[in-house]
């Protein structure tokens, strides 16, 4: 297994997912909730790819493959966890924005 390639997959997909989630939040601020939800779905699909890569590395380690703990690996894990946290927060912010928008229409 090319460990460095896998690590960069986590970093890349985690970062892309987070960036797309912020695009979704911006669309929600513009009251374009349909497009925002589509972007959020895209972000979650990409995040799932990063998470699957992480799971593959964990399974390899469980199966006895050596997994060196490098600064790059720590960075990848940090990147992924930040993306998961921020996307969860963005999902909740979008729900609030939608409720506010509905209340303003009344």
N, C-alpha and C. Protein backbone atom coordinates (compact mmCIF):
# COMPACT_ATOMS: atom_id res chain seq x y z
N UNK A 1 0.85 -1.17 0.00
CA UNK A 1 0.00 0.00 0.00
C UNK A 1 0.89 1.24 0.00
N UNK A 2 0.58 2.20 -0.84
CA UNK A 2 1.32 3.45 -0.91
C UNK A 2 0.75 4.39 0.16
N UNK A 3 1.37 4.35 1.35
CA UNK A 3 0.86 5.08 2.50
C UNK A 3 0.77 6.58 2.23
N UNK A 4 1.78 7.14 1.61
CA UNK A 4 1.78 8.58 1.34
C UNK A 4 0.62 8.98 0.43
N UNK A 5 0.36 8.16 -0.58
CA UNK A 5 -0.77 8.42 -1.49
C UNK A 5 -2.09 8.40 -0.72
N UNK A 6 -2.25 7.42 0.15
CA UNK A 6 -3.48 7.30 0.93
C UNK A 6 -3.66 8.51 1.86
N UNK A 7 -2.56 8.93 2.47
CA UNK A 7 -2.61 10.08 3.37
C UNK A 7 -3.02 11.33 2.60
N UNK A 8 -2.45 11.52 1.43
CA UNK A 8 -2.82 12.69 0.63
C UNK A 8 -4.26 12.63 0.15
N UNK A 9 -4.79 11.42 -0.04
CA UNK A 9 -6.21 11.27 -0.38
C UNK A 9 -7.10 11.80 0.75
N UNK A 10 -6.73 11.49 1.98
CA UNK A 10 -7.49 11.97 3.13
C UNK A 10 -7.44 13.50 3.19
N UNK A 11 -6.25 14.05 3.04
CA UNK A 11 -6.08 15.51 3.11
C UNK A 11 -6.85 16.19 2.00
N UNK A 12 -6.69 15.70 0.79
CA UNK A 12 -7.33 16.31 -0.37
C UNK A 12 -8.85 16.23 -0.29
N UNK A 13 -9.36 15.04 -0.03
CA UNK A 13 -10.82 14.88 0.02
C UNK A 13 -11.43 15.60 1.23
N UNK A 14 -10.74 15.58 2.36
CA UNK A 14 -11.24 16.31 3.52
C UNK A 14 -11.31 17.80 3.25
N UNK A 15 -10.28 18.34 2.65
CA UNK A 15 -10.25 19.77 2.32
C UNK A 15 -11.30 20.15 1.28
N UNK A 16 -11.44 19.31 0.26
CA UNK A 16 -12.44 19.58 -0.78
C UNK A 16 -13.85 19.53 -0.20
N UNK A 17 -14.11 18.55 0.65
CA UNK A 17 -15.43 18.43 1.26
C UNK A 17 -15.76 19.66 2.09
N UNK A 18 -14.80 20.11 2.85
CA UNK A 18 -15.01 21.29 3.69
C UNK A 18 -15.26 22.53 2.84
N UNK A 19 -14.50 22.71 1.78
CA UNK A 19 -14.67 23.87 0.91
C UNK A 19 -16.05 23.87 0.26
N UNK A 20 -16.51 22.72 -0.18
CA UNK A 20 -17.83 22.62 -0.81
C UNK A 20 -18.93 22.87 0.22
N UNK A 21 -18.73 22.43 1.44
CA UNK A 21 -19.71 22.68 2.51
C UNK A 21 -19.83 24.18 2.76
N UNK A 22 -18.72 24.90 2.72
CA UNK A 22 -18.79 26.35 2.88
C UNK A 22 -19.50 27.02 1.70
N UNK A 23 -19.36 26.45 0.51
CA UNK A 23 -20.14 26.95 -0.64
C UNK A 23 -21.62 26.75 -0.37
N UNK A 24 -21.98 25.61 0.21
CA UNK A 24 -23.38 25.33 0.55
C UNK A 24 -23.89 26.35 1.57
N UNK A 25 -23.08 26.66 2.55
CA UNK A 25 -23.48 27.64 3.56
C UNK A 25 -23.71 29.01 2.93
N UNK A 26 -22.85 29.39 2.03
CA UNK A 26 -23.01 30.68 1.33
C UNK A 26 -24.32 30.70 0.53
N UNK A 27 -24.62 29.61 -0.13
CA UNK A 27 -25.88 29.52 -0.88
C UNK A 27 -27.08 29.60 0.07
N UNK A 28 -26.96 29.02 1.24
CA UNK A 28 -28.04 29.10 2.23
C UNK A 28 -28.22 30.54 2.69
N UNK A 29 -27.14 31.26 2.85
CA UNK A 29 -27.22 32.68 3.22
C UNK A 29 -27.95 33.48 2.14
N UNK A 30 -27.87 33.01 0.91
CA UNK A 30 -28.55 33.67 -0.21
C UNK A 30 -29.96 33.12 -0.41
N UNK A 31 -30.42 32.28 0.53
CA UNK A 31 -31.75 31.64 0.49
C UNK A 31 -31.93 30.69 -0.69
N UNK A 32 -30.86 30.18 -1.23
CA UNK A 32 -30.93 29.17 -2.30
C UNK A 32 -30.73 27.80 -1.64
N UNK A 33 -31.77 27.37 -0.92
CA UNK A 33 -31.64 26.17 -0.11
C UNK A 33 -31.57 24.88 -0.93
N UNK A 34 -32.22 24.88 -2.08
CA UNK A 34 -32.17 23.67 -2.91
C UNK A 34 -30.74 23.42 -3.38
N UNK A 35 -30.11 24.46 -3.91
CA UNK A 35 -28.73 24.31 -4.38
C UNK A 35 -27.78 24.06 -3.19
N UNK A 36 -28.06 24.70 -2.07
CA UNK A 36 -27.22 24.51 -0.88
C UNK A 36 -27.26 23.05 -0.43
N UNK A 37 -28.43 22.45 -0.44
CA UNK A 37 -28.55 21.06 -0.02
C UNK A 37 -27.85 20.12 -1.00
N UNK A 38 -27.88 20.46 -2.29
CA UNK A 38 -27.16 19.66 -3.28
C UNK A 38 -25.66 19.74 -3.02
N UNK A 39 -25.17 20.94 -2.73
CA UNK A 39 -23.74 21.12 -2.44
C UNK A 39 -23.35 20.36 -1.18
N UNK A 40 -24.21 20.41 -0.17
CA UNK A 40 -23.93 19.72 1.07
C UNK A 40 -23.89 18.20 0.85
N UNK A 41 -24.77 17.71 0.00
CA UNK A 41 -24.76 16.28 -0.33
C UNK A 41 -23.45 15.92 -1.02
N UNK A 42 -23.00 16.77 -1.93
CA UNK A 42 -21.72 16.55 -2.62
C UNK A 42 -20.57 16.55 -1.61
N UNK A 43 -20.60 17.50 -0.67
CA UNK A 43 -19.56 17.58 0.35
C UNK A 43 -19.52 16.30 1.18
N UNK A 44 -20.68 15.80 1.55
CA UNK A 44 -20.74 14.58 2.35
C UNK A 44 -20.26 13.36 1.59
N UNK A 45 -20.50 13.32 0.27
CA UNK A 45 -20.00 12.20 -0.53
C UNK A 45 -18.47 12.21 -0.58
N UNK A 46 -17.90 13.39 -0.74
CA UNK A 46 -16.44 13.51 -0.78
C UNK A 46 -15.85 13.21 0.60
N UNK A 47 -16.52 13.70 1.64
CA UNK A 47 -16.09 13.41 3.00
C UNK A 47 -16.10 11.91 3.26
N UNK A 48 -17.11 11.23 2.75
CA UNK A 48 -17.21 9.78 2.90
C UNK A 48 -16.03 9.08 2.22
N UNK A 49 -15.59 9.60 1.10
CA UNK A 49 -14.42 9.04 0.43
C UNK A 49 -13.19 9.16 1.32
N UNK A 50 -13.01 10.34 1.94
CA UNK A 50 -11.88 10.53 2.85
C UNK A 50 -11.98 9.59 4.04
N UNK A 51 -13.17 9.47 4.57
CA UNK A 51 -13.38 8.60 5.73
C UNK A 51 -13.11 7.14 5.37
N UNK A 52 -13.52 6.73 4.17
CA UNK A 52 -13.26 5.35 3.72
C UNK A 52 -11.76 5.08 3.59
N UNK A 53 -11.02 6.09 3.14
CA UNK A 53 -9.57 5.93 3.05
C UNK A 53 -8.97 5.77 4.43
N UNK A 54 -9.45 6.56 5.38
CA UNK A 54 -8.99 6.43 6.76
C UNK A 54 -9.30 5.02 7.29
N UNK A 55 -10.49 4.55 7.02
CA UNK A 55 -10.90 3.22 7.47
C UNK A 55 -10.00 2.14 6.87
N UNK A 56 -9.65 2.31 5.60
CA UNK A 56 -8.75 1.35 4.93
C UNK A 56 -7.39 1.31 5.64
N UNK A 57 -6.88 2.48 6.04
CA UNK A 57 -5.60 2.52 6.76
C UNK A 57 -5.72 1.88 8.13
N UNK A 58 -6.82 2.13 8.81
CA UNK A 58 -7.02 1.51 10.14
C UNK A 58 -7.09 -0.01 10.01
N UNK A 59 -7.82 -0.49 9.01
CA UNK A 59 -7.94 -1.93 8.81
C UNK A 59 -6.59 -2.55 8.47
N UNK A 60 -5.80 -1.84 7.67
CA UNK A 60 -4.47 -2.36 7.33
C UNK A 60 -3.61 -2.49 8.59
N UNK A 61 -3.71 -1.49 9.46
CA UNK A 61 -2.94 -1.55 10.70
C UNK A 61 -3.42 -2.70 11.59
N UNK A 62 -4.72 -2.88 11.67
CA UNK A 62 -5.28 -3.98 12.46
C UNK A 62 -4.80 -5.32 11.91
N UNK A 63 -4.64 -5.40 10.60
CA UNK A 63 -4.19 -6.64 9.96
C UNK A 63 -2.68 -6.81 9.98
N UNK A 64 -1.99 -5.97 10.73
CA UNK A 64 -0.56 -6.16 10.93
C UNK A 64 0.34 -5.34 10.04
N UNK A 65 -0.21 -4.55 9.13
CA UNK A 65 0.66 -3.71 8.31
C UNK A 65 1.19 -2.57 9.17
N UNK A 66 2.44 -2.27 8.98
CA UNK A 66 3.05 -1.19 9.75
C UNK A 66 2.51 0.16 9.25
N UNK A 67 2.06 0.96 10.18
CA UNK A 67 1.54 2.29 9.84
C UNK A 67 2.38 3.32 10.59
N UNK A 68 3.36 3.89 9.90
CA UNK A 68 4.22 4.86 10.59
C UNK A 68 3.42 6.13 10.94
N UNK A 69 3.60 6.59 12.17
CA UNK A 69 2.91 7.78 12.60
C UNK A 69 3.81 8.98 12.29
N UNK A 70 3.55 9.56 11.14
CA UNK A 70 4.35 10.70 10.69
C UNK A 70 3.56 11.98 10.93
N UNK A 71 4.25 13.09 10.82
CA UNK A 71 3.58 14.38 10.94
C UNK A 71 2.52 14.52 9.83
N UNK A 72 2.80 13.96 8.68
CA UNK A 72 1.83 14.00 7.57
C UNK A 72 0.58 13.21 7.92
N UNK A 73 0.73 12.06 8.57
CA UNK A 73 -0.43 11.27 9.00
C UNK A 73 -1.25 12.04 10.03
N UNK A 74 -0.57 12.67 10.98
CA UNK A 74 -1.27 13.46 12.00
C UNK A 74 -2.02 14.61 11.33
N UNK A 75 -1.40 15.24 10.36
CA UNK A 75 -2.04 16.33 9.62
C UNK A 75 -3.29 15.83 8.90
N UNK A 76 -3.21 14.67 8.30
CA UNK A 76 -4.37 14.10 7.58
C UNK A 76 -5.52 13.84 8.55
N UNK A 77 -5.20 13.27 9.70
CA UNK A 77 -6.24 12.99 10.69
C UNK A 77 -6.87 14.28 11.20
N UNK A 78 -6.04 15.28 11.44
CA UNK A 78 -6.53 16.58 11.89
C UNK A 78 -7.43 17.20 10.83
N UNK A 79 -7.00 17.12 9.60
CA UNK A 79 -7.77 17.67 8.48
C UNK A 79 -9.15 17.00 8.37
N UNK A 80 -9.16 15.68 8.49
CA UNK A 80 -10.41 14.94 8.37
C UNK A 80 -11.35 15.26 9.52
N UNK A 81 -10.85 15.27 10.73
CA UNK A 81 -11.70 15.55 11.88
C UNK A 81 -12.24 16.98 11.84
N UNK A 82 -11.43 17.92 11.38
CA UNK A 82 -11.91 19.30 11.24
C UNK A 82 -13.02 19.37 10.20
N UNK A 83 -12.85 18.66 9.10
CA UNK A 83 -13.87 18.65 8.06
C UNK A 83 -15.18 18.06 8.58
N UNK A 84 -15.08 16.96 9.30
CA UNK A 84 -16.29 16.32 9.86
C UNK A 84 -17.00 17.30 10.80
N UNK A 85 -16.25 17.92 11.68
CA UNK A 85 -16.84 18.85 12.65
C UNK A 85 -17.47 20.06 11.97
N UNK A 86 -16.74 20.64 11.03
CA UNK A 86 -17.25 21.84 10.36
C UNK A 86 -18.47 21.54 9.49
N UNK A 87 -18.47 20.41 8.82
CA UNK A 87 -19.62 20.06 7.99
C UNK A 87 -20.85 19.81 8.86
N UNK A 88 -20.66 19.17 10.01
CA UNK A 88 -21.77 18.97 10.93
C UNK A 88 -22.32 20.31 11.40
N UNK A 89 -21.44 21.23 11.71
CA UNK A 89 -21.86 22.56 12.14
C UNK A 89 -22.58 23.30 11.01
N UNK A 90 -22.06 23.20 9.80
CA UNK A 90 -22.67 23.86 8.65
C UNK A 90 -24.07 23.29 8.39
N UNK A 91 -24.22 21.98 8.54
CA UNK A 91 -25.56 21.38 8.37
C UNK A 91 -26.55 22.01 9.34
N UNK A 92 -26.15 22.19 10.58
CA UNK A 92 -27.04 22.79 11.57
C UNK A 92 -27.27 24.27 11.30
N UNK A 93 -26.26 24.97 10.85
CA UNK A 93 -26.43 26.39 10.50
C UNK A 93 -27.41 26.55 9.34
N UNK A 94 -27.32 25.65 8.38
CA UNK A 94 -28.24 25.72 7.24
C UNK A 94 -29.68 25.48 7.68
N UNK A 95 -29.89 24.56 8.62
CA UNK A 95 -31.24 24.34 9.15
C UNK A 95 -31.77 25.60 9.82
N UNK A 96 -30.90 26.26 10.58
CA UNK A 96 -31.31 27.50 11.25
C UNK A 96 -31.63 28.59 10.23
N UNK A 97 -30.80 28.71 9.21
CA UNK A 97 -31.04 29.73 8.18
C UNK A 97 -32.36 29.48 7.46
N UNK A 98 -32.66 28.21 7.23
CA UNK A 98 -33.92 27.87 6.56
C UNK A 98 -35.11 28.24 7.44
N UNK A 99 -35.03 27.97 8.74
CA UNK A 99 -36.10 28.34 9.66
C UNK A 99 -36.27 29.85 9.72
N UNK A 100 -35.16 30.57 9.78
CA UNK A 100 -35.21 32.03 9.81
C UNK A 100 -35.87 32.55 8.54
N UNK A 101 -35.49 31.99 7.41
CA UNK A 101 -36.08 32.41 6.14
C UNK A 101 -37.57 32.17 6.11
N UNK A 102 -38.01 31.02 6.62
CA UNK A 102 -39.44 30.71 6.66
C UNK A 102 -40.19 31.65 7.59
N UNK A 103 -39.58 32.00 8.71
CA UNK A 103 -40.21 32.93 9.64
C UNK A 103 -40.30 34.34 9.04
N UNK A 104 -39.29 34.74 8.30
CA UNK A 104 -39.30 36.07 7.68
C UNK A 104 -40.39 36.18 6.61
N UNK A 105 -40.75 35.06 6.01
CA UNK A 105 -41.79 35.07 4.97
C UNK A 105 -43.18 35.24 5.57
N UNK A 106 -43.32 34.93 6.85
CA UNK A 106 -44.63 35.01 7.50
C UNK A 106 -44.98 36.43 7.87
